[in-house]
Every structure is written in C-alpha cells, then in structure tokens.
Amino acid sequence: MLSSVWADDSPRPDAPSAKQKKPDPDHGAKLWHVLNPRNLRLQSTAALVVDRYGNELYSKNADRAQPIASITKLMTAMVILDSPLPMRQELVITDEDRDLLRMTGSRLKPGATLTREQLIKLALMSSENRAASALARTFPAGRKRFIYLMNKKALSLGMRDTKFTDPTGLDVGNSSTPRDLYKLVQAAMRYPFIRKATTSRSAQVYPYLKKGHLRFGNTNRLLSSESWEISLSKTGYINEAGRCLVMQAQVSGQDLTIILLNSFGKLTPYGDSNRIRKWVENGVKNSSST
C-alpha cells in the first residue's frame, strides 16, 4: 500500500477554496502610487510584480518571450487536475520517462510506483521531471494530446505569447512572457492542490516495494524563511532559461504576484525576491505615514 502525500481524505485534491477576506482597495491604490520602480534594481533579465488588483508595481521586459523551464509544470498540473482521471490510481515510471535530452537524473527509477496524486506533488514541489513525464505519458490519447491541451488551456487563459512543447520544461521550446506567466499563476491559485503542493517543504513517499521511503524537498528555499509568507511558488532552470521563479506571496499585508525570469546566479532569484520584499515593506511604511 502506497502512502499518501496528503493528510485529508477528500476524493479529489482540487476542491473549491474558501472565500478570502475582501481587501481594502484604497490601501492598494495608495501603495501603487508610493512605490517607485526606479528604487528597485533587479538582476533578473525579465520581471513583473503585480498587486492583488492587477496593478503592475514593477515590470522589466514583461512582454519578452523566453524559455521558462520547469515553470511549465504548473500547466502540466492544471491539465491533469482538470481531467476526470482518478488521483489515487497507481502509475509506474518507465524508461520512456527518462530525460534523454539533458540527461538529468532522478531517484524515481523505472519500476517506481506512485499514485497520480503523488506524482503531481513531486512534479510541483521538487520539480521531478520523471513524475511530470509519467503524468503526460499515461494521459488518455498520450503525450501529444496532453501537450495540445496544455496549449489550449494557455489560450483560454489569454496567454497569447506562450508555447508548450513538453510537460517537464526541459525542452527549450517551452516559452512565455512575464505577463503571460502572471495569468498562469492567477489560474493556478484557483487550485488548492497546487497551492498546497508548491508550498509544502517536503514529502515522504514509498515508490518501491520492500524498500524504505524517499524524502523529497521543495526547490524554493524561501519557504524556509520566516520573512516570507508564500501561497504558491514554482522554480525552474535550464541553461537557456537561466534561473526562474514565480510566486504568490504576502508582503506587509499585500498580496503580490512575483515573476522572475532568466537569472544567471543560483541565488539571484532569491536575492531579487528579497529586494522586492524590502522595496514593498518600505513602501507600505511610507504609505502608512502619509
């Protein structure tokens, strides 16, 4: 019997979320006018910061399409969750799920068996490529149909400058813009499963009979920081995309969507995230004193 990565017993992990407290629009408008984008210097090649009302607080090359690496897996998860497929069905990793493009490794060897639910979580939380590949491979009508549905959903969300070519993000053909990824994050926020999976710090699974557990961690180190309150996150990296990070986070009571693309230092997305946090904190402090 495979252990579940979720504590609840709900039949599907994508039930409607509870209503959130209605924000104060006056405070948001005041913050929008107080923040000065010139005071924020980010190292990421492209970036976008948007408040809960859709105000763009900061933008940098926001309409430039570029590779997005494993940010792709947010769309992979949504396509699966939109389907009627049973979440607790067991799926087996095969040789077809190995990465022959970049030869990345994985602790999920051929023969590893996990539920569809567990594979989605590992794909989101740990950016597990074989998990994402298996989800697409076992989809009705196969991988090609799955990728078609990824692009169809992107268009339905208004992501006109986005293209998906594989479910993992390893292919450089997966591309988007910061403004399109803002739409992706907003759509993903409507899935409680995705919010929970992307912000879980770790998960323990038993993919092999007669063997012990495997523990997987989250790829976003900011989740371990007391300075951050994060509702959704996804990291990504391939050489062509640089370091990528998208988040929905609360800073000084402000709900923000943060998109950071094409950073070329391992810590750059986290450094940029902290620069954004301090920038907003100072803006909130200034707006409260006026």
C-alpha atoms as a PDB file:
ATOM      1  CA  MET A   1       0.000   0.000   0.000  1.00  0.00           C
ATOM      2  CA  LEU A   2       1.499   3.323  -1.043  1.00  0.00           C
ATOM      3  CA  SER A   3       1.370   6.124   1.484  1.00  0.00           C
ATOM      4  CA  SER A   4      -0.465   9.287   0.522  1.00  0.00           C
ATOM      5  CA  VAL A   5       1.248  12.676   0.483  1.00  0.00           C
ATOM      6  CA  TRP A   6      -1.922  14.335   1.789  1.00  0.00           C
ATOM      7  CA  ALA A   7      -3.394  14.192   5.268  1.00  0.00           C
ATOM      8  CA  ASP A   8      -7.016  14.699   4.251  1.00  0.00           C
ATOM      9  CA  ASP A   9      -9.297  12.064   2.739  1.00  0.00           C
ATOM     10  CA  SER A  10     -11.004  14.169   0.083  1.00  0.00           C
ATOM     11  CA  PRO A  11     -11.712  12.241  -3.151  1.00  0.00           C
ATOM     12  CA  ARG A  12     -10.032  14.907  -5.273  1.00  0.00           C
ATOM     13  CA  PRO A  13      -7.478  17.490  -4.148  1.00  0.00           C
ATOM     14  CA  ASP A  14      -8.823  20.359  -6.244  1.00  0.00           C
ATOM     15  CA  ALA A  15     -11.978  21.306  -4.342  1.00  0.00           C
ATOM     16  CA  PRO A  16     -13.088  24.973  -4.349  1.00  0.00           C
ATOM     17  CA  SER A  17     -11.252  27.107  -1.849  1.00  0.00           C
ATOM     18  CA  ALA A  18     -12.872  29.139   0.905  1.00  0.00           C
ATOM     19  CA  LYS A  19     -13.609  32.818   0.280  1.00  0.00           C
ATOM     20  CA  GLN A  20     -10.862  35.165   1.356  1.00  0.00           C
ATOM     21  CA  LYS A  21     -11.338  38.412   3.226  1.00  0.00           C
ATOM     22  CA  LYS A  22     -12.056  41.265   0.844  1.00  0.00           C
ATOM     23  CA  PRO A  23      -9.030  43.601   0.619  1.00  0.00           C
ATOM     24  CA  ASP A  24      -9.111  47.355   1.073  1.00  0.00           C
ATOM     25  CA  PRO A  25      -8.773  48.877  -2.437  1.00  0.00           C
ATOM     26  CA  ASP A  26      -7.861  52.312  -1.093  1.00  0.00           C
ATOM     27  CA  HIS A  27      -4.758  50.944   0.614  1.00  0.00           C
ATOM     28  CA  GLY A  28      -3.732  49.120  -2.553  1.00  0.00           C
ATOM     29  CA  ALA A  29      -4.111  52.269  -4.643  1.00  0.00           C
ATOM     30  CA  LYS A  30      -2.053  54.258  -2.144  1.00  0.00           C
ATOM     31  CA  LEU A  31       0.737  51.677  -2.256  1.00  0.00           C
ATOM     32  CA  TRP A  32       0.710  51.724  -6.051  1.00  0.00           C
ATOM     33  CA  HIS A  33       1.404  55.468  -6.061  1.00  0.00           C
ATOM     34  CA  VAL A  34       4.017  55.376  -3.275  1.00  0.00           C
ATOM     35  CA  LEU A  35       6.265  52.682  -4.769  1.00  0.00           C
ATOM     36  CA  ASN A  36       8.911  53.979  -7.155  1.00  0.00           C
ATOM     37  CA  PRO A  37      10.135  51.360  -9.662  1.00  0.00           C
ATOM     38  CA  ARG A  38      13.385  53.287 -10.024  1.00  0.00           C
ATOM     39  CA  ASN A  39      14.235  52.337  -6.456  1.00  0.00           C
ATOM     40  CA  LEU A  40      14.122  48.632  -7.303  1.00  0.00           C
ATOM     41  CA  ARG A  41      17.075  47.191  -9.159  1.00  0.00           C
ATOM     42  CA  LEU A  42      16.733  43.525 -10.026  1.00  0.00           C
ATOM     43  CA  GLN A  43      19.304  41.197 -11.552  1.00  0.00           C
ATOM     44  CA  SER A  44      16.768  39.018 -13.372  1.00  0.00           C
ATOM     45  CA  THR A  45      16.581  39.745 -17.101  1.00  0.00           C
ATOM     46  CA  ALA A  46      12.781  39.869 -17.016  1.00  0.00           C
ATOM     47  CA  ALA A  47      10.495  40.544 -14.072  1.00  0.00           C
ATOM     48  CA  LEU A  48       6.989  41.521 -13.097  1.00  0.00           C
ATOM     49  CA  VAL A  49       5.416  42.431  -9.741  1.00  0.00           C
ATOM     50  CA  VAL A  50       1.625  42.763  -9.630  1.00  0.00           C
ATOM     51  CA  ASP A  51      -0.638  43.555  -6.677  1.00  0.00           C
ATOM     52  CA  ARG A  52      -3.962  41.905  -5.909  1.00  0.00           C
ATOM     53  CA  TYR A  53      -5.859  44.461  -8.006  1.00  0.00           C
ATOM     54  CA  GLY A  54      -3.828  43.815 -11.134  1.00  0.00           C
ATOM     55  CA  ASN A  55      -1.700  46.956 -10.768  1.00  0.00           C
ATOM     56  CA  GLU A  56       1.786  46.429 -12.168  1.00  0.00           C
ATOM     57  CA  LEU A  57       4.100  47.731  -9.461  1.00  0.00           C
ATOM     58  CA  TYR A  58       7.239  46.846 -11.409  1.00  0.00           C
ATOM     59  CA  SER A  59       7.943  45.492 -14.884  1.00  0.00           C
ATOM     60  CA  LYS A  60      11.083  44.668 -16.823  1.00  0.00           C
ATOM     61  CA  ASN A  61      10.946  43.107 -20.292  1.00  0.00           C
ATOM     62  CA  ALA A  62       7.483  41.883 -19.345  1.00  0.00           C
ATOM     63  CA  ASP A  63       6.440  41.108 -22.939  1.00  0.00           C
ATOM     64  CA  ARG A  64       9.622  39.342 -23.989  1.00  0.00           C
ATOM     65  CA  ALA A  65       9.024  35.644 -24.690  1.00  0.00           C
ATOM     66  CA  GLN A  66      11.771  33.356 -23.414  1.00  0.00           C
ATOM     67  CA  PRO A  67      12.256  29.796 -22.126  1.00  0.00           C
ATOM     68  CA  ILE A  68      10.541  29.136 -18.788  1.00  0.00           C
ATOM     69  CA  ALA A  69      11.988  25.735 -17.833  1.00  0.00           C
ATOM     70  CA  SER A  70      10.043  23.976 -15.054  1.00  0.00           C
ATOM     71  CA  ILE A  71       7.556  26.800 -14.579  1.00  0.00           C
ATOM     72  CA  THR A  72       5.916  24.665 -17.282  1.00  0.00           C
ATOM     73  CA  LYS A  73       4.890  22.150 -14.620  1.00  0.00           C
ATOM     74  CA  LEU A  74       2.187  24.479 -13.305  1.00  0.00           C
ATOM     75  CA  MET A  75       0.336  23.983 -16.590  1.00  0.00           C
ATOM     76  CA  THR A  76       1.081  20.254 -16.510  1.00  0.00           C
ATOM     77  CA  ALA A  77      -0.603  20.027 -13.121  1.00  0.00           C
ATOM     78  CA  MET A  78      -3.640  22.049 -14.191  1.00  0.00           C
ATOM     79  CA  VAL A  79      -4.293  19.865 -17.236  1.00  0.00           C
ATOM     80  CA  ILE A  80      -4.233  16.747 -15.043  1.00  0.00           C
ATOM     81  CA  LEU A  81      -6.442  18.305 -12.370  1.00  0.00           C
ATOM     82  CA  ASP A  82      -8.940  19.455 -14.995  1.00  0.00           C
ATOM     83  CA  SER A  83      -9.346  15.863 -16.158  1.00  0.00           C
ATOM     84  CA  PRO A  84     -11.572  13.206 -14.546  1.00  0.00           C
ATOM     85  CA  LEU A  85      -8.601  10.885 -14.028  1.00  0.00           C
ATOM     86  CA  PRO A  86      -8.514   9.173 -10.600  1.00  0.00           C
ATOM     87  CA  MET A  87      -5.941  10.829  -8.368  1.00  0.00           C
ATOM     88  CA  ARG A  88      -5.201   7.658  -6.421  1.00  0.00           C
ATOM     89  CA  GLN A  89      -4.560   5.480  -9.456  1.00  0.00           C
ATOM     90  CA  GLU A  90      -1.075   3.958  -9.287  1.00  0.00           C
ATOM     91  CA  LEU A  91       1.288   4.797 -12.149  1.00  0.00           C
ATOM     92  CA  VAL A  92       4.641   3.190 -12.918  1.00  0.00           C
ATOM     93  CA  ILE A  93       7.766   5.070 -14.005  1.00  0.00           C
ATOM     94  CA  THR A  94       9.241   3.537 -17.184  1.00  0.00           C
ATOM     95  CA  ASP A  95      12.300   4.029 -19.398  1.00  0.00           C
ATOM     96  CA  GLU A  96      10.174   6.360 -21.518  1.00  0.00           C
ATOM     97  CA  ASP A  97      10.209   8.866 -18.653  1.00  0.00           C
ATOM     98  CA  ARG A  98      13.998   9.189 -18.601  1.00  0.00           C
ATOM     99  CA  ASP A  99      15.427  12.514 -19.749  1.00  0.00           C
ATOM    100  CA  LEU A 100      17.423  11.769 -22.892  1.00  0.00           C
ATOM    101  CA  LEU A 101      17.649  15.448 -23.848  1.00  0.00           C
ATOM    102  CA  ARG A 102      19.676  16.795 -20.918  1.00  0.00           C
ATOM    103  CA  MET A 103      20.408  13.534 -19.123  1.00  0.00           C
ATOM    104  CA  THR A 104      19.160  14.805 -15.784  1.00  0.00           C
ATOM    105  CA  GLY A 105      18.991  12.245 -13.002  1.00  0.00           C
ATOM    106  CA  SER A 106      16.146  11.129 -10.782  1.00  0.00           C
ATOM    107  CA  ARG A 107      15.570   8.972  -7.727  1.00  0.00           C
ATOM    108  CA  LEU A 108      12.437   7.653  -9.399  1.00  0.00           C
ATOM    109  CA  LYS A 109      13.904   4.708 -11.270  1.00  0.00           C
ATOM    110  CA  PRO A 110      11.982   2.620 -13.821  1.00  0.00           C
ATOM    111  CA  GLY A 111       9.590   0.481 -11.831  1.00  0.00           C
ATOM    112  CA  ALA A 112       8.900   3.139  -9.200  1.00  0.00           C
ATOM    113  CA  THR A 113       5.175   3.152  -8.446  1.00  0.00           C
ATOM    114  CA  LEU A 114       3.269   6.138  -7.082  1.00  0.00           C
ATOM    115  CA  THR A 115      -0.252   7.490  -7.319  1.00  0.00           C
ATOM    116  CA  ARG A 116      -1.137  10.180  -9.815  1.00  0.00           C
ATOM    117  CA  GLU A 117      -1.657  12.495  -6.849  1.00  0.00           C
ATOM    118  CA  GLN A 118       1.845  11.850  -5.539  1.00  0.00           C
ATOM    119  CA  LEU A 119       3.414  12.356  -8.959  1.00  0.00           C
ATOM    120  CA  ILE A 120       1.729  15.738  -9.356  1.00  0.00           C
ATOM    121  CA  LYS A 121       3.012  16.820  -5.978  1.00  0.00           C
ATOM    122  CA  LEU A 122       6.589  15.735  -6.706  1.00  0.00           C
ATOM    123  CA  ALA A 123       6.488  17.458 -10.091  1.00  0.00           C
ATOM    124  CA  LEU A 124       5.373  20.708  -8.465  1.00  0.00           C
ATOM    125  CA  MET A 125       7.260  20.652  -5.177  1.00  0.00           C
ATOM    126  CA  SER A 126      10.557  19.023  -6.216  1.00  0.00           C
ATOM    127  CA  SER A 127      10.315  19.703  -9.954  1.00  0.00           C
ATOM    128  CA  GLU A 128      10.585  15.944 -10.564  1.00  0.00           C
ATOM    129  CA  ASN A 129      10.930  15.536 -14.327  1.00  0.00           C
ATOM    130  CA  ARG A 130      10.122  11.836 -14.491  1.00  0.00           C
ATOM    131  CA  ALA A 131       6.977  12.461 -12.470  1.00  0.00           C
ATOM    132  CA  ALA A 132       5.822  15.097 -14.969  1.00  0.00           C
ATOM    133  CA  SER A 133       6.730  12.851 -17.896  1.00  0.00           C
ATOM    134  CA  ALA A 134       4.758   9.923 -16.478  1.00  0.00           C
ATOM    135  CA  LEU A 135       1.703  12.132 -15.978  1.00  0.00           C
ATOM    136  CA  ALA A 136       1.701  13.066 -19.665  1.00  0.00           C
ATOM    137  CA  ARG A 137       2.613   9.593 -20.926  1.00  0.00           C
ATOM    138  CA  THR A 138      -0.289   7.941 -19.093  1.00  0.00           C
ATOM    139  CA  PHE A 139      -2.811  10.585 -20.142  1.00  0.00           C
ATOM    140  CA  PRO A 140      -5.636   9.290 -22.401  1.00  0.00           C
ATOM    141  CA  ALA A 141      -4.548   9.583 -26.070  1.00  0.00           C
ATOM    142  CA  GLY A 142      -0.966  10.060 -24.913  1.00  0.00           C
ATOM    143  CA  ARG A 143       1.677  12.740 -24.643  1.00  0.00           C
ATOM    144  CA  LYS A 144       0.896  14.533 -27.908  1.00  0.00           C
ATOM    145  CA  ARG A 145      -2.712  15.075 -26.871  1.00  0.00           C
ATOM    146  CA  PHE A 146      -1.553  16.219 -23.440  1.00  0.00           C
ATOM    147  CA  ILE A 147       0.704  18.919 -24.899  1.00  0.00           C
ATOM    148  CA  TYR A 148      -2.136  20.033 -27.177  1.00  0.00           C
ATOM    149  CA  LEU A 149      -4.331  20.512 -24.095  1.00  0.00           C
ATOM    150  CA  MET A 150      -1.563  22.485 -22.365  1.00  0.00           C
ATOM    151  CA  ASN A 151      -1.518  24.954 -25.246  1.00  0.00           C
ATOM    152  CA  LYS A 152      -5.309  25.004 -25.493  1.00  0.00           C
ATOM    153  CA  LYS A 153      -5.615  25.931 -21.823  1.00  0.00           C
ATOM    154  CA  ALA A 154      -2.940  28.602 -22.214  1.00  0.00           C
ATOM    155  CA  LEU A 155      -5.009  30.231 -24.963  1.00  0.00           C
ATOM    156  CA  SER A 156      -8.152  30.005 -22.843  1.00  0.00           C
ATOM    157  CA  LEU A 157      -6.312  31.953 -20.128  1.00  0.00           C
ATOM    158  CA  GLY A 158      -5.312  34.663 -22.591  1.00  0.00           C
ATOM    159  CA  MET A 159      -1.670  33.552 -22.709  1.00  0.00           C
ATOM    160  CA  ARG A 160      -1.151  34.588 -26.327  1.00  0.00           C
ATOM    161  CA  ASP A 161       2.648  34.657 -26.229  1.00  0.00           C
ATOM    162  CA  THR A 162       3.102  31.229 -24.652  1.00  0.00           C
ATOM    163  CA  LYS A 163       4.006  27.885 -26.187  1.00  0.00           C
ATOM    164  CA  PHE A 164       4.378  24.473 -24.571  1.00  0.00           C
ATOM    165  CA  THR A 165       6.341  21.673 -26.246  1.00  0.00           C
ATOM    166  CA  ASP A 166       6.750  19.171 -23.404  1.00  0.00           C
ATOM    167  CA  PRO A 167       5.336  18.605 -19.889  1.00  0.00           C
ATOM    168  CA  THR A 168       8.598  18.948 -17.947  1.00  0.00           C
ATOM    169  CA  GLY A 169      10.101  22.229 -19.126  1.00  0.00           C
ATOM    170  CA  LEU A 170      13.331  20.538 -20.200  1.00  0.00           C
ATOM    171  CA  ASP A 171      12.665  21.434 -23.834  1.00  0.00           C
ATOM    172  CA  VAL A 172      13.761  24.964 -24.712  1.00  0.00           C
ATOM    173  CA  GLY A 173      10.586  25.321 -26.770  1.00  0.00           C
ATOM    174  CA  ASN A 174       8.525  25.937 -23.635  1.00  0.00           C
ATOM    175  CA  SER A 175       8.386  29.726 -23.676  1.00  0.00           C
ATOM    176  CA  SER A 176       6.342  32.572 -22.251  1.00  0.00           C
ATOM    177  CA  THR A 177       6.432  36.177 -21.083  1.00  0.00           C
ATOM    178  CA  PRO A 178       6.205  37.571 -17.542  1.00  0.00           C
ATOM    179  CA  ARG A 179       2.753  39.000 -18.314  1.00  0.00           C
ATOM    180  CA  ASP A 180       1.526  35.638 -19.568  1.00  0.00           C
ATOM    181  CA  LEU A 181       3.005  33.895 -16.535  1.00  0.00           C
ATOM    182  CA  TYR A 182       1.090  36.285 -14.299  1.00  0.00           C
ATOM    183  CA  LYS A 183      -2.074  34.845 -15.861  1.00  0.00           C
ATOM    184  CA  LEU A 184      -0.744  31.328 -15.301  1.00  0.00           C
ATOM    185  CA  VAL A 185      -0.092  31.975 -11.611  1.00  0.00           C
ATOM    186  CA  GLN A 186      -3.527  33.529 -11.129  1.00  0.00           C
ATOM    187  CA  ALA A 187      -5.130  30.469 -12.720  1.00  0.00           C
ATOM    188  CA  ALA A 188      -3.017  28.072 -10.642  1.00  0.00           C
ATOM    189  CA  MET A 189      -4.062  29.881  -7.465  1.00  0.00           C
ATOM    190  CA  ARG A 190      -7.596  28.592  -8.039  1.00  0.00           C
ATOM    191  CA  TYR A 191      -6.386  25.028  -7.379  1.00  0.00           C
ATOM    192  CA  PRO A 192      -5.975  24.273  -3.650  1.00  0.00           C
ATOM    193  CA  PHE A 193      -3.935  21.197  -4.605  1.00  0.00           C
ATOM    194  CA  ILE A 194      -1.376  23.313  -6.454  1.00  0.00           C
ATOM    195  CA  ARG A 195      -1.148  25.870  -3.667  1.00  0.00           C
ATOM    196  CA  LYS A 196      -0.553  23.144  -1.106  1.00  0.00           C
ATOM    197  CA  ALA A 197       1.892  21.139  -3.219  1.00  0.00           C
ATOM    198  CA  THR A 198       4.045  24.093  -4.243  1.00  0.00           C
ATOM    199  CA  THR A 199       4.382  25.374  -0.675  1.00  0.00           C
ATOM    200  CA  SER A 200       4.984  22.050   1.092  1.00  0.00           C
ATOM    201  CA  ARG A 201       8.552  21.889   2.358  1.00  0.00           C
ATOM    202  CA  SER A 202       8.927  18.135   1.917  1.00  0.00           C
ATOM    203  CA  ALA A 203       7.122  14.884   1.178  1.00  0.00           C
ATOM    204  CA  GLN A 204       7.814  11.267   2.029  1.00  0.00           C
ATOM    205  CA  VAL A 205       6.845   8.519  -0.426  1.00  0.00           C
ATOM    206  CA  TYR A 206       7.360   4.770  -0.819  1.00  0.00           C
ATOM    207  CA  PRO A 207       7.804   4.100  -4.550  1.00  0.00           C
ATOM    208  CA  TYR A 208       9.454   0.683  -4.190  1.00  0.00           C
ATOM    209  CA  LEU A 209       8.192  -2.491  -2.555  1.00  0.00           C
ATOM    210  CA  LYS A 210      10.353  -3.831   0.276  1.00  0.00           C
ATOM    211  CA  LYS A 211      12.390  -0.633   0.395  1.00  0.00           C
ATOM    212  CA  GLY A 212      12.325   2.373   2.669  1.00  0.00           C
ATOM    213  CA  HIS A 213      10.893   5.778   1.966  1.00  0.00           C
ATOM    214  CA  LEU A 214      12.252   8.565  -0.191  1.00  0.00           C
ATOM    215  CA  ARG A 215      12.063  12.128   1.057  1.00  0.00           C
ATOM    216  CA  PHE A 216      11.771  14.960  -1.442  1.00  0.00           C
ATOM    217  CA  GLY A 217      12.238  18.636  -0.632  1.00  0.00           C
ATOM    218  CA  ASN A 218      10.917  21.847  -2.133  1.00  0.00           C
ATOM    219  CA  THR A 219      13.117  23.629  -4.662  1.00  0.00           C
ATOM    220  CA  ASN A 220      12.192  27.090  -3.310  1.00  0.00           C
ATOM    221  CA  ARG A 221      14.436  27.881  -0.351  1.00  0.00           C
ATOM    222  CA  LEU A 222      12.356  30.946   0.582  1.00  0.00           C
ATOM    223  CA  LEU A 223       9.736  28.612   2.052  1.00  0.00           C
ATOM    224  CA  SER A 224      12.138  28.007   4.936  1.00  0.00           C
ATOM    225  CA  SER A 225      12.454  31.726   5.652  1.00  0.00           C
ATOM    226  CA  GLU A 226      10.379  33.342   8.392  1.00  0.00           C
ATOM    227  CA  SER A 227      10.436  36.557   6.357  1.00  0.00           C
ATOM    228  CA  TRP A 228       8.183  35.094   3.693  1.00  0.00           C
ATOM    229  CA  GLU A 229       4.513  34.114   3.579  1.00  0.00           C
ATOM    230  CA  ILE A 230       4.097  32.245   0.298  1.00  0.00           C
ATOM    231  CA  SER A 231       0.814  30.925  -1.108  1.00  0.00           C
ATOM    232  CA  LEU A 232       2.169  29.399  -4.330  1.00  0.00           C
ATOM    233  CA  SER A 233       5.595  29.014  -5.875  1.00  0.00           C
ATOM    234  CA  LYS A 234       7.462  27.302  -8.687  1.00  0.00           C
ATOM    235  CA  THR A 235      11.109  27.345  -9.638  1.00  0.00           C
ATOM    236  CA  GLY A 236      12.701  26.473 -12.956  1.00  0.00           C
ATOM    237  CA  TYR A 237      16.121  26.071 -14.517  1.00  0.00           C
ATOM    238  CA  ILE A 238      17.739  25.049 -17.767  1.00  0.00           C
ATOM    239  CA  ASN A 239      20.780  26.753 -19.288  1.00  0.00           C
ATOM    240  CA  GLU A 240      18.744  28.609 -21.892  1.00  0.00           C
ATOM    241  CA  ALA A 241      16.183  29.876 -19.360  1.00  0.00           C
ATOM    242  CA  GLY A 242      18.511  30.739 -16.517  1.00  0.00           C
ATOM    243  CA  ARG A 243      17.057  30.651 -13.004  1.00  0.00           C
ATOM    244  CA  CYS A 244      13.319  31.259 -12.920  1.00  0.00           C
ATOM    245  CA  LEU A 245      10.907  31.784 -10.040  1.00  0.00           C
ATOM    246  CA  VAL A 246       7.213  32.618  -9.851  1.00  0.00           C
ATOM    247  CA  MET A 247       5.394  33.192  -6.565  1.00  0.00           C
ATOM    248  CA  GLN A 248       2.206  34.401  -4.992  1.00  0.00           C
ATOM    249  CA  ALA A 249       3.216  35.901  -1.658  1.00  0.00           C
ATOM    250  CA  GLN A 250       2.036  38.287   1.014  1.00  0.00           C
ATOM    251  CA  VAL A 251       4.359  41.135   1.962  1.00  0.00           C
ATOM    252  CA  SER A 252       3.302  43.585   4.670  1.00  0.00           C
ATOM    253  CA  GLY A 253      -0.320  42.602   4.160  1.00  0.00           C
ATOM    254  CA  GLN A 254      -0.109  42.981   0.384  1.00  0.00           C
ATOM    255  CA  ASP A 255      -0.840  40.020  -1.905  1.00  0.00           C
ATOM    256  CA  LEU A 256       1.735  40.084  -4.685  1.00  0.00           C
ATOM    257  CA  THR A 257       2.431  38.014  -7.767  1.00  0.00           C
ATOM    258  CA  ILE A 258       6.165  37.912  -8.465  1.00  0.00           C
ATOM    259  CA  ILE A 259       7.621  36.718 -11.775  1.00  0.00           C
ATOM    260  CA  LEU A 260      11.410  36.462 -12.165  1.00  0.00           C
ATOM    261  CA  LEU A 261      12.981  35.034 -15.327  1.00  0.00           C
ATOM    262  CA  ASN A 262      16.439  34.448 -16.719  1.00  0.00           C
ATOM    263  CA  SER A 263      18.711  34.916 -13.722  1.00  0.00           C
ATOM    264  CA  PHE A 264      22.224  33.552 -14.095  1.00  0.00           C
ATOM    265  CA  GLY A 265      23.284  33.136 -10.497  1.00  0.00           C
ATOM    266  CA  LYS A 266      21.976  30.285  -8.376  1.00  0.00           C
ATOM    267  CA  LEU A 267      20.875  32.698  -5.645  1.00  0.00           C
ATOM    268  CA  THR A 268      19.809  35.571  -7.907  1.00  0.00           C
ATOM    269  CA  PRO A 269      16.041  34.858  -7.886  1.00  0.00           C
ATOM    270  CA  TYR A 270      16.114  34.729  -4.092  1.00  0.00           C
ATOM    271  CA  GLY A 271      18.163  37.908  -3.894  1.00  0.00           C
ATOM    272  CA  ASP A 272      15.737  39.641  -6.246  1.00  0.00           C
ATOM    273  CA  SER A 273      12.779  38.335  -4.231  1.00  0.00           C
ATOM    274  CA  ASN A 274      14.210  39.792  -1.047  1.00  0.00           C
ATOM    275  CA  ARG A 275      14.877  43.106  -2.801  1.00  0.00           C
ATOM    276  CA  ILE A 276      11.224  43.181  -3.857  1.00  0.00           C
ATOM    277  CA  ARG A 277      10.090  42.373  -0.313  1.00  0.00           C
ATOM    278  CA  LYS A 278      12.143  45.188   1.217  1.00  0.00           C
ATOM    279  CA  TRP A 279      11.000  47.596  -1.506  1.00  0.00           C
ATOM    280  CA  VAL A 280       7.339  46.858  -0.739  1.00  0.00           C
ATOM    281  CA  GLU A 281       7.881  46.939   3.033  1.00  0.00           C
ATOM    282  CA  ASN A 282       9.395  50.404   2.732  1.00  0.00           C
ATOM    283  CA  GLY A 283       6.516  51.498   0.506  1.00  0.00           C
ATOM    284  CA  VAL A 284       3.918  50.260   2.984  1.00  0.00           C
ATOM    285  CA  LYS A 285       5.737  52.042   5.798  1.00  0.00           C
ATOM    286  CA  ASN A 286       5.797  55.285   3.814  1.00  0.00           C
ATOM    287  CA  SER A 287       2.134  54.992   2.791  1.00  0.00           C
ATOM    288  CA  SER A 288       1.092  54.427   6.402  1.00  0.00           C
ATOM    289  CA  SER A 289       2.815  57.610   7.495  1.00  0.00           C
ATOM    290  CA  THR A 290       1.121  59.800   4.886  1.00  0.00           C
END
